[in-house]
Amino acid sequence: MRIEFERSGGFAGLVQRCCLDTETLPPRQAREIEQLVAAAGLPELEARPAPVAAGADRFQYDLTITQRGASHRLRVGEGSVPPQLRPLLDRLLAHARGS
């Protein structure tokens, strides 16, 4: 599974991004990421219309996950992150920060 993640916006306009391939991660980390992706329900989230983000200086999350030839793309504003997606975004943000 290949994951491309980017968080942009915010007060300072900083961009944080990472690109992961679970094939190159240690097995425990790969399983964790794969479980978070499964729990997020990306196909269902992708099918929903994106809500209009309100407020300046809010973060925007862009996520592309490619697995077994299928690709899922999702763009979501900080104020409309579904609860099932938050753990995955938090884990990817930590990875982008080098944690």
PDB file of N, CA and C in Angstrom:
ATOM      1  N   MET A   1       0.844  -1.168   0.000  1.00  0.00           N
ATOM      2  CA  MET A   1       0.000   0.000   0.000  1.00  0.00           C
ATOM      3  C   MET A   1       0.894   1.239   0.000  1.00  0.00           C
ATOM      4  N   ARG A   2       0.575   2.154  -0.874  1.00  0.00           N
ATOM      5  CA  ARG A   2       1.314   3.419  -0.960  1.00  0.00           C
ATOM      6  C   ARG A   2       0.393   4.548  -0.509  1.00  0.00           C
ATOM      7  N   ILE A   3       0.915   5.404   0.366  1.00  0.00           N
ATOM      8  CA  ILE A   3       0.129   6.502   0.908  1.00  0.00           C
ATOM      9  C   ILE A   3       0.864   7.812   0.686  1.00  0.00           C
ATOM     10  N   GLU A   4       0.174   8.765   0.088  1.00  0.00           N
ATOM     11  CA  GLU A   4       0.690  10.125  -0.062  1.00  0.00           C
ATOM     12  C   GLU A   4      -0.191  11.026   0.794  1.00  0.00           C
ATOM     13  N   PHE A   5       0.440  11.775   1.688  1.00  0.00           N
ATOM     14  CA  PHE A   5      -0.278  12.604   2.652  1.00  0.00           C
ATOM     15  C   PHE A   5       0.280  14.015   2.626  1.00  0.00           C
ATOM     16  N   GLU A   6      -0.626  14.987   2.708  1.00  0.00           N
ATOM     17  CA  GLU A   6      -0.193  16.382   2.793  1.00  0.00           C
ATOM     18  C   GLU A   6      -1.186  17.160   3.643  1.00  0.00           C
ATOM     19  N   ARG A   7      -0.631  17.928   4.588  1.00  0.00           N
ATOM     20  CA  ARG A   7      -1.445  18.880   5.344  1.00  0.00           C
ATOM     21  C   ARG A   7      -0.944  20.265   4.987  1.00  0.00           C
ATOM     22  N   SER A   8      -1.840  21.113   4.530  1.00  0.00           N
ATOM     23  CA  SER A   8      -1.456  22.465   4.130  1.00  0.00           C
ATOM     24  C   SER A   8      -2.379  23.464   4.815  1.00  0.00           C
ATOM     25  N   GLY A   9      -2.009  24.735   4.712  1.00  0.00           N
ATOM     26  CA  GLY A   9      -2.817  25.793   5.292  1.00  0.00           C
ATOM     27  C   GLY A   9      -2.362  26.156   6.685  1.00  0.00           C
ATOM     28  N   GLY A  10      -3.297  26.568   7.489  1.00  0.00           N
ATOM     29  CA  GLY A  10      -2.971  27.010   8.834  1.00  0.00           C
ATOM     30  C   GLY A  10      -2.472  28.439   8.824  1.00  0.00           C
ATOM     31  N   PHE A  11      -2.247  28.979   9.990  1.00  0.00           N
ATOM     32  CA  PHE A  11      -1.851  30.373  10.132  1.00  0.00           C
ATOM     33  C   PHE A  11      -0.560  30.685   9.374  1.00  0.00           C
ATOM     34  N   ALA A  12       0.432  29.814   9.498  1.00  0.00           N
ATOM     35  CA  ALA A  12       1.725  30.065   8.862  1.00  0.00           C
ATOM     36  C   ALA A  12       1.790  29.547   7.427  1.00  0.00           C
ATOM     37  N   GLY A  13       0.798  28.807   6.990  1.00  0.00           N
ATOM     38  CA  GLY A  13       0.794  28.283   5.634  1.00  0.00           C
ATOM     39  C   GLY A  13       1.827  27.198   5.387  1.00  0.00           C
ATOM     40  N   LEU A  14       2.264  26.535   6.451  1.00  0.00           N
ATOM     41  CA  LEU A  14       3.257  25.470   6.297  1.00  0.00           C
ATOM     42  C   LEU A  14       2.627  24.229   5.678  1.00  0.00           C
ATOM     43  N   VAL A  15       3.436  23.520   4.911  1.00  0.00           N
ATOM     44  CA  VAL A  15       2.997  22.266   4.309  1.00  0.00           C
ATOM     45  C   VAL A  15       3.799  21.142   4.941  1.00  0.00           C
ATOM     46  N   GLN A  16       3.094  20.126   5.406  1.00  0.00           N
ATOM     47  CA  GLN A  16       3.756  18.929   5.920  1.00  0.00           C
ATOM     48  C   GLN A  16       3.268  17.771   5.086  1.00  0.00           C
ATOM     49  N   ARG A  17       4.218  16.949   4.649  1.00  0.00           N
ATOM     50  CA  ARG A  17       3.833  15.830   3.788  1.00  0.00           C
ATOM     51  C   ARG A  17       4.722  14.629   4.059  1.00  0.00           C
ATOM     52  N   CYS A  18       4.200  13.501   3.676  1.00  0.00           N
ATOM     53  CA  CYS A  18       4.984  12.271   3.729  1.00  0.00           C
ATOM     54  C   CYS A  18       4.439  11.311   2.680  1.00  0.00           C
ATOM     55  N   CYS A  19       5.255  10.380   2.336  1.00  0.00           N
ATOM     56  CA  CYS A  19       4.888   9.327   1.406  1.00  0.00           C
ATOM     57  C   CYS A  19       5.355   8.017   2.042  1.00  0.00           C
ATOM     58  N   LEU A  20       4.435   7.089   2.216  1.00  0.00           N
ATOM     59  CA  LEU A  20       4.747   5.808   2.842  1.00  0.00           C
ATOM     60  C   LEU A  20       4.441   4.671   1.888  1.00  0.00           C
ATOM     61  N   ASP A  21       5.219   3.636   2.003  1.00  0.00           N
ATOM     62  CA  ASP A  21       4.933   2.392   1.310  1.00  0.00           C
ATOM     63  C   ASP A  21       5.016   1.306   2.368  1.00  0.00           C
ATOM     64  N   THR A  22       3.900   0.652   2.650  1.00  0.00           N
ATOM     65  CA  THR A  22       3.895  -0.332   3.728  1.00  0.00           C
ATOM     66  C   THR A  22       4.824  -1.514   3.441  1.00  0.00           C
ATOM     67  N   GLU A  23       5.195  -1.700   2.179  1.00  0.00           N
ATOM     68  CA  GLU A  23       6.144  -2.768   1.835  1.00  0.00           C
ATOM     69  C   GLU A  23       7.533  -2.500   2.414  1.00  0.00           C
ATOM     70  N   THR A  24       7.847  -1.232   2.669  1.00  0.00           N
ATOM     71  CA  THR A  24       9.189  -0.886   3.158  1.00  0.00           C
ATOM     72  C   THR A  24       9.211  -0.600   4.658  1.00  0.00           C
ATOM     73  N   LEU A  25       8.053  -0.605   5.301  1.00  0.00           N
ATOM     74  CA  LEU A  25       7.989  -0.350   6.738  1.00  0.00           C
ATOM     75  C   LEU A  25       8.225  -1.636   7.523  1.00  0.00           C
ATOM     76  N   PRO A  26       8.672  -1.510   8.773  1.00  0.00           N
ATOM     77  CA  PRO A  26       8.725  -2.697   9.629  1.00  0.00           C
ATOM     78  C   PRO A  26       7.324  -3.310   9.735  1.00  0.00           C
ATOM     79  N   PRO A  27       7.217  -4.623   9.854  1.00  0.00           N
ATOM     80  CA  PRO A  27       5.907  -5.288   9.833  1.00  0.00           C
ATOM     81  C   PRO A  27       4.895  -4.712  10.827  1.00  0.00           C
ATOM     82  N   ARG A  28       5.312  -4.392  12.013  1.00  0.00           N
ATOM     83  CA  ARG A  28       4.382  -3.859  13.022  1.00  0.00           C
ATOM     84  C   ARG A  28       3.809  -2.508  12.584  1.00  0.00           C
ATOM     85  N   GLN A  29       4.660  -1.636  12.078  1.00  0.00           N
ATOM     86  CA  GLN A  29       4.204  -0.332  11.601  1.00  0.00           C
ATOM     87  C   GLN A  29       3.302  -0.481  10.381  1.00  0.00           C
ATOM     88  N   ALA A  30       3.659  -1.381   9.496  1.00  0.00           N
ATOM     89  CA  ALA A  30       2.845  -1.609   8.295  1.00  0.00           C
ATOM     90  C   ALA A  30       1.445  -2.074   8.677  1.00  0.00           C
ATOM     91  N   ARG A  31       1.352  -3.016   9.625  1.00  0.00           N
ATOM     92  CA  ARG A  31       0.045  -3.499  10.074  1.00  0.00           C
ATOM     93  C   ARG A  31      -0.771  -2.376  10.699  1.00  0.00           C
ATOM     94  N   GLU A  32      -0.115  -1.544  11.514  1.00  0.00           N
ATOM     95  CA  GLU A  32      -0.816  -0.428  12.157  1.00  0.00           C
ATOM     96  C   GLU A  32      -1.426   0.506  11.109  1.00  0.00           C
ATOM     97  N   ILE A  33      -0.617   0.897  10.128  1.00  0.00           N
ATOM     98  CA  ILE A  33      -1.090   1.796   9.075  1.00  0.00           C
ATOM     99  C   ILE A  33      -2.226   1.149   8.287  1.00  0.00           C
ATOM    100  N   GLU A  34      -2.067  -0.111   7.923  1.00  0.00           N
ATOM    101  CA  GLU A  34      -3.097  -0.809   7.155  1.00  0.00           C
ATOM    102  C   GLU A  34      -4.404  -0.904   7.940  1.00  0.00           C
ATOM    103  N   GLN A  35      -4.330  -1.120   9.249  1.00  0.00           N
ATOM    104  CA  GLN A  35      -5.528  -1.176  10.086  1.00  0.00           C
ATOM    105  C   GLN A  35      -6.207   0.189  10.163  1.00  0.00           C
ATOM    106  N   LEU A  36      -5.412   1.250  10.278  1.00  0.00           N
ATOM    107  CA  LEU A  36      -5.981   2.594  10.322  1.00  0.00           C
ATOM    108  C   LEU A  36      -6.662   2.943   9.006  1.00  0.00           C
ATOM    109  N   VAL A  37      -6.061   2.540   7.898  1.00  0.00           N
ATOM    110  CA  VAL A  37      -6.667   2.778   6.581  1.00  0.00           C
ATOM    111  C   VAL A  37      -7.994   2.021   6.477  1.00  0.00           C
ATOM    112  N   ALA A  38      -8.005   0.760   6.887  1.00  0.00           N
ATOM    113  CA  ALA A  38      -9.232  -0.038   6.817  1.00  0.00           C
ATOM    114  C   ALA A  38     -10.329   0.575   7.689  1.00  0.00           C
ATOM    115  N   ALA A  39      -9.974   1.025   8.884  1.00  0.00           N
ATOM    116  CA  ALA A  39     -10.947   1.601   9.814  1.00  0.00           C
ATOM    117  C   ALA A  39     -11.499   2.937   9.314  1.00  0.00           C
ATOM    118  N   ALA A  40     -10.720   3.639   8.496  1.00  0.00           N
ATOM    119  CA  ALA A  40     -11.149   4.952   7.999  1.00  0.00           C
ATOM    120  C   ALA A  40     -12.291   4.851   6.984  1.00  0.00           C
ATOM    121  N   GLY A  41     -12.426   3.713   6.312  1.00  0.00           N
ATOM    122  CA  GLY A  41     -13.507   3.550   5.337  1.00  0.00           C
ATOM    123  C   GLY A  41     -13.397   4.516   4.170  1.00  0.00           C
ATOM    124  N   LEU A  42     -12.228   4.566   3.551  1.00  0.00           N
ATOM    125  CA  LEU A  42     -11.985   5.543   2.490  1.00  0.00           C
ATOM    126  C   LEU A  42     -12.953   5.481   1.312  1.00  0.00           C
ATOM    127  N   PRO A  43     -13.354   4.317   0.826  1.00  0.00           N
ATOM    128  CA  PRO A  43     -14.290   4.327  -0.309  1.00  0.00           C
ATOM    129  C   PRO A  43     -15.585   5.066   0.024  1.00  0.00           C
ATOM    130  N   GLU A  44     -16.095   4.896   1.240  1.00  0.00           N
ATOM    131  CA  GLU A  44     -17.321   5.584   1.637  1.00  0.00           C
ATOM    132  C   GLU A  44     -17.079   7.085   1.780  1.00  0.00           C
ATOM    133  N   LEU A  45     -15.950   7.458   2.373  1.00  0.00           N
ATOM    134  CA  LEU A  45     -15.638   8.875   2.549  1.00  0.00           C
ATOM    135  C   LEU A  45     -15.423   9.558   1.210  1.00  0.00           C
ATOM    136  N   GLU A  46     -14.780   8.857   0.303  1.00  0.00           N
ATOM    137  CA  GLU A  46     -14.496   9.398  -1.020  1.00  0.00           C
ATOM    138  C   GLU A  46     -15.790   9.684  -1.786  1.00  0.00           C
ATOM    139  N   ALA A  47     -16.818   8.888  -1.545  1.00  0.00           N
ATOM    140  CA  ALA A  47     -18.080   9.034  -2.258  1.00  0.00           C
ATOM    141  C   ALA A  47     -18.928  10.193  -1.727  1.00  0.00           C
ATOM    142  N   ARG A  48     -18.630  10.656  -0.515  1.00  0.00           N
ATOM    143  CA  ARG A  48     -19.401  11.766   0.061  1.00  0.00           C
ATOM    144  C   ARG A  48     -19.012  13.085  -0.586  1.00  0.00           C
ATOM    145  N   PRO A  49     -19.974  13.992  -0.726  1.00  0.00           N
ATOM    146  CA  PRO A  49     -19.611  15.321  -1.209  1.00  0.00           C
ATOM    147  C   PRO A  49     -18.790  16.041  -0.145  1.00  0.00           C
ATOM    148  N   ALA A  50     -17.777  16.769  -0.578  1.00  0.00           N
ATOM    149  CA  ALA A  50     -16.916  17.496   0.358  1.00  0.00           C
ATOM    150  C   ALA A  50     -17.660  18.706   0.895  1.00  0.00           C
ATOM    151  N   PRO A  51     -17.738  18.826   2.244  1.00  0.00           N
ATOM    152  CA  PRO A  51     -18.392  20.006   2.807  1.00  0.00           C
ATOM    153  C   PRO A  51     -17.554  21.253   2.566  1.00  0.00           C
ATOM    154  N   VAL A  52     -18.228  22.380   2.516  1.00  0.00           N
ATOM    155  CA  VAL A  52     -17.531  23.648   2.332  1.00  0.00           C
ATOM    156  C   VAL A  52     -16.831  23.999   3.639  1.00  0.00           C
ATOM    157  N   ALA A  53     -15.531  24.242   3.567  1.00  0.00           N
ATOM    158  CA  ALA A  53     -14.760  24.582   4.763  1.00  0.00           C
ATOM    159  C   ALA A  53     -14.961  26.052   5.095  1.00  0.00           C
ATOM    160  N   ALA A  54     -15.245  26.306   6.350  1.00  0.00           N
ATOM    161  CA  ALA A  54     -15.432  27.681   6.797  1.00  0.00           C
ATOM    162  C   ALA A  54     -14.264  28.093   7.674  1.00  0.00           C
ATOM    163  N   GLY A  55     -13.844  29.331   7.545  1.00  0.00           N
ATOM    164  CA  GLY A  55     -12.798  29.849   8.414  1.00  0.00           C
ATOM    165  C   GLY A  55     -11.457  29.937   7.725  1.00  0.00           C
ATOM    166  N   ALA A  56     -10.821  31.069   7.939  1.00  0.00           N
ATOM    167  CA  ALA A  56      -9.477  31.256   7.384  1.00  0.00           C
ATOM    168  C   ALA A  56      -8.470  30.517   8.254  1.00  0.00           C
ATOM    169  N   ASP A  57      -7.330  30.276   7.698  1.00  0.00           N
ATOM    170  CA  ASP A  57      -6.213  29.665   8.418  1.00  0.00           C
ATOM    171  C   ASP A  57      -6.535  28.273   8.949  1.00  0.00           C
ATOM    172  N   ARG A  58      -7.371  27.550   8.280  1.00  0.00           N
ATOM    173  CA  ARG A  58      -7.674  26.169   8.665  1.00  0.00           C
ATOM    174  C   ARG A  58      -6.802  25.241   7.836  1.00  0.00           C
ATOM    175  N   PHE A  59      -6.540  24.074   8.380  1.00  0.00           N
ATOM    176  CA  PHE A  59      -5.749  23.087   7.662  1.00  0.00           C
ATOM    177  C   PHE A  59      -6.606  22.343   6.653  1.00  0.00           C
ATOM    178  N   GLN A  60      -5.939  21.885   5.609  1.00  0.00           N
ATOM    179  CA  GLN A  60      -6.559  21.023   4.611  1.00  0.00           C
ATOM    180  C   GLN A  60      -5.699  19.772   4.509  1.00  0.00           C
ATOM    181  N   TYR A  61      -6.345  18.622   4.441  1.00  0.00           N
ATOM    182  CA  TYR A  61      -5.652  17.344   4.335  1.00  0.00           C
ATOM    183  C   TYR A  61      -5.930  16.740   2.969  1.00  0.00           C
ATOM    184  N   ASP A  62      -4.870  16.335   2.298  1.00  0.00           N
ATOM    185  CA  ASP A  62      -4.976  15.628   1.022  1.00  0.00           C
ATOM    186  C   ASP A  62      -4.353  14.259   1.204  1.00  0.00           C
ATOM    187  N   LEU A  63      -5.067  13.247   0.777  1.00  0.00           N
ATOM    188  CA  LEU A  63      -4.651  11.874   1.001  1.00  0.00           C
ATOM    189  C   LEU A  63      -4.908  11.060  -0.255  1.00  0.00           C
ATOM    190  N   THR A  64      -3.892  10.332  -0.696  1.00  0.00           N
ATOM    191  CA  THR A  64      -4.041   9.400  -1.811  1.00  0.00           C
ATOM    192  C   THR A  64      -3.500   8.056  -1.356  1.00  0.00           C
ATOM    193  N   ILE A  65      -4.327   7.038  -1.464  1.00  0.00           N
ATOM    194  CA  ILE A  65      -3.918   5.690  -1.066  1.00  0.00           C
ATOM    195  C   ILE A  65      -4.101   4.778  -2.258  1.00  0.00           C
ATOM    196  N   THR A  66      -3.024   4.093  -2.613  1.00  0.00           N
ATOM    197  CA  THR A  66      -3.043   3.160  -3.738  1.00  0.00           C
ATOM    198  C   THR A  66      -2.757   1.768  -3.200  1.00  0.00           C
ATOM    199  N   GLN A  67      -3.661   0.854  -3.532  1.00  0.00           N
ATOM    200  CA  GLN A  67      -3.528  -0.515  -3.047  1.00  0.00           C
ATOM    201  C   GLN A  67      -4.138  -1.460  -4.066  1.00  0.00           C
ATOM    202  N   ARG A  68      -3.380  -2.471  -4.433  1.00  0.00           N
ATOM    203  CA  ARG A  68      -3.854  -3.491  -5.381  1.00  0.00           C
ATOM    204  C   ARG A  68      -4.476  -2.893  -6.636  1.00  0.00           C
ATOM    205  N   GLY A  69      -3.823  -1.862  -7.174  1.00  0.00           N
ATOM    206  CA  GLY A  69      -4.272  -1.253  -8.408  1.00  0.00           C
ATOM    207  C   GLY A  69      -5.400  -0.241  -8.267  1.00  0.00           C
ATOM    208  N   ALA A  70      -5.990  -0.143  -7.080  1.00  0.00           N
ATOM    209  CA  ALA A  70      -7.062   0.834  -6.852  1.00  0.00           C
ATOM    210  C   ALA A  70      -6.485   2.037  -6.116  1.00  0.00           C
ATOM    211  N   SER A  71      -6.983   3.200  -6.466  1.00  0.00           N
ATOM    212  CA  SER A  71      -6.502   4.432  -5.847  1.00  0.00           C
ATOM    213  C   SER A  71      -7.685   5.204  -5.263  1.00  0.00           C
ATOM    214  N   HIS A  72      -7.495   5.698  -4.048  1.00  0.00           N
ATOM    215  CA  HIS A  72      -8.516   6.515  -3.380  1.00  0.00           C
ATOM    216  C   HIS A  72      -7.905   7.867  -3.073  1.00  0.00           C
ATOM    217  N   ARG A  73      -8.630   8.921  -3.442  1.00  0.00           N
ATOM    218  CA  ARG A  73      -8.176  10.292  -3.177  1.00  0.00           C
ATOM    219  C   ARG A  73      -9.220  10.978  -2.316  1.00  0.00           C
ATOM    220  N   LEU A  74      -8.721  11.710  -1.340  1.00  0.00           N
ATOM    221  CA  LEU A  74      -9.612  12.389  -0.423  1.00  0.00           C
ATOM    222  C   LEU A  74      -9.013  13.728  -0.044  1.00  0.00           C
ATOM    223  N   ARG A  75      -9.840  14.754  -0.059  1.00  0.00           N
ATOM    224  CA  ARG A  75      -9.459  16.088   0.407  1.00  0.00           C
ATOM    225  C   ARG A  75     -10.488  16.479   1.460  1.00  0.00           C
ATOM    226  N   VAL A  76     -10.012  16.855   2.623  1.00  0.00           N
ATOM    227  CA  VAL A  76     -10.929  17.198   3.699  1.00  0.00           C
ATOM    228  C   VAL A  76     -10.371  18.382   4.484  1.00  0.00           C
ATOM    229  N   GLY A  77     -11.253  19.279   4.850  1.00  0.00           N
ATOM    230  CA  GLY A  77     -10.876  20.433   5.649  1.00  0.00           C
ATOM    231  C   GLY A  77     -10.833  20.078   7.125  1.00  0.00           C
ATOM    232  N   GLU A  78     -10.056  20.833   7.872  1.00  0.00           N
ATOM    233  CA  GLU A  78      -9.863  20.583   9.299  1.00  0.00           C
ATOM    234  C   GLU A  78     -11.180  20.491  10.069  1.00  0.00           C
ATOM    235  N   GLY A  79     -12.118  21.325   9.739  1.00  0.00           N
ATOM    236  CA  GLY A  79     -13.375  21.348  10.471  1.00  0.00           C
ATOM    237  C   GLY A  79     -14.353  20.258  10.092  1.00  0.00           C
ATOM    238  N   SER A  80     -14.020  19.457   9.096  1.00  0.00           N
ATOM    239  CA  SER A  80     -14.958  18.418   8.651  1.00  0.00           C
ATOM    240  C   SER A  80     -14.310  17.041   8.568  1.00  0.00           C
ATOM    241  N   VAL A  81     -13.284  16.815   9.394  1.00  0.00           N
ATOM    242  CA  VAL A  81     -12.627  15.501   9.408  1.00  0.00           C
ATOM    243  C   VAL A  81     -13.553  14.501  10.095  1.00  0.00           C
ATOM    244  N   PRO A  82     -13.961  13.439   9.408  1.00  0.00           N
ATOM    245  CA  PRO A  82     -14.803  12.425  10.034  1.00  0.00           C
ATOM    246  C   PRO A  82     -14.041  11.724  11.165  1.00  0.00           C
ATOM    247  N   PRO A  83     -14.727  11.357  12.241  1.00  0.00           N
ATOM    248  CA  PRO A  83     -14.051  10.743  13.387  1.00  0.00           C
ATOM    249  C   PRO A  83     -13.257   9.487  13.036  1.00  0.00           C
ATOM    250  N   GLN A  84     -13.748   8.683  12.092  1.00  0.00           N
ATOM    251  CA  GLN A  84     -13.043   7.449  11.742  1.00  0.00           C
ATOM    252  C   GLN A  84     -11.754   7.716  10.960  1.00  0.00           C
ATOM    253  N   LEU A  85     -11.603   8.923  10.423  1.00  0.00           N
ATOM    254  CA  LEU A  85     -10.406   9.282   9.659  1.00  0.00           C
ATOM    255  C   LEU A  85      -9.327   9.911  10.535  1.00  0.00           C
ATOM    256  N   ARG A  86      -9.719  10.516  11.650  1.00  0.00           N
ATOM    257  CA  ARG A  86      -8.782  11.256  12.498  1.00  0.00           C
ATOM    258  C   ARG A  86      -7.566  10.430  12.938  1.00  0.00           C
ATOM    259  N   PRO A  87      -7.711   9.164  13.408  1.00  0.00           N
ATOM    260  CA  PRO A  87      -6.519   8.414  13.826  1.00  0.00           C
ATOM    261  C   PRO A  87      -5.496   8.229  12.706  1.00  0.00           C
ATOM    262  N   LEU A  88      -5.959   7.994  11.482  1.00  0.00           N
ATOM    263  CA  LEU A  88      -5.042   7.850  10.351  1.00  0.00           C
ATOM    264  C   LEU A  88      -4.334   9.165  10.066  1.00  0.00           C
ATOM    265  N   LEU A  89      -5.073  10.268  10.032  1.00  0.00           N
ATOM    266  CA  LEU A  89      -4.450  11.570   9.776  1.00  0.00           C
ATOM    267  C   LEU A  89      -3.426  11.905  10.860  1.00  0.00           C
ATOM    268  N   ASP A  90      -3.762  11.624  12.117  1.00  0.00           N
ATOM    269  CA  ASP A  90      -2.823  11.898  13.213  1.00  0.00           C
ATOM    270  C   ASP A  90      -1.550  11.081  13.061  1.00  0.00           C
ATOM    271  N   ARG A  91      -1.692   9.820  12.691  1.00  0.00           N
ATOM    272  CA  ARG A  91      -0.506   8.947  12.525  1.00  0.00           C
ATOM    273  C   ARG A  91       0.343   9.428  11.355  1.00  0.00           C
ATOM    274  N   LEU A  92      -0.283   9.807  10.253  1.00  0.00           N
ATOM    275  CA  LEU A  92       0.465  10.285   9.093  1.00  0.00           C
ATOM    276  C   LEU A  92       1.135  11.620   9.374  1.00  0.00           C
ATOM    277  N   LEU A  93       0.467  12.488  10.121  1.00  0.00           N
ATOM    278  CA  LEU A  93       1.060  13.759  10.498  1.00  0.00           C
ATOM    279  C   LEU A  93       2.274  13.552  11.384  1.00  0.00           C
ATOM    280  N   ALA A  94       2.181  12.623  12.315  1.00  0.00           N
ATOM    281  CA  ALA A  94       3.333  12.293  13.172  1.00  0.00           C
ATOM    282  C   ALA A  94       4.504  11.795  12.321  1.00  0.00           C
ATOM    283  N   HIS A  95       4.194  10.969  11.334  1.00  0.00           N
ATOM    284  CA  HIS A  95       5.248  10.469  10.443  1.00  0.00           C
ATOM    285  C   HIS A  95       5.865  11.617   9.637  1.00  0.00           C
ATOM    286  N   ALA A  96       5.037  12.527   9.168  1.00  0.00           N
ATOM    287  CA  ALA A  96       5.535  13.677   8.390  1.00  0.00           C
ATOM    288  C   ALA A  96       6.443  14.548   9.246  1.00  0.00           C
ATOM    289  N   ARG A  97       6.165  14.600  10.533  1.00  0.00           N
ATOM    290  CA  ARG A  97       6.989  15.389  11.458  1.00  0.00           C
ATOM    291  C   ARG A  97       8.233  14.648  11.912  1.00  0.00           C
ATOM    292  N   GLY A  98       8.328  13.372  11.526  1.00  0.00           N
ATOM    293  CA  GLY A  98       9.498  12.582  11.914  1.00  0.00           C
ATOM    294  C   GLY A  98       9.377  11.920  13.262  1.00  0.00           C
ATOM    295  N   SER A  99       8.153  11.830  13.787  1.00  0.00           N
ATOM    296  CA  SER A  99       7.932  11.200  15.102  1.00  0.00           C
ATOM    297  C   SER A  99       7.664   9.725  14.953  1.00  0.00           C
TER     298      SER A  99
END
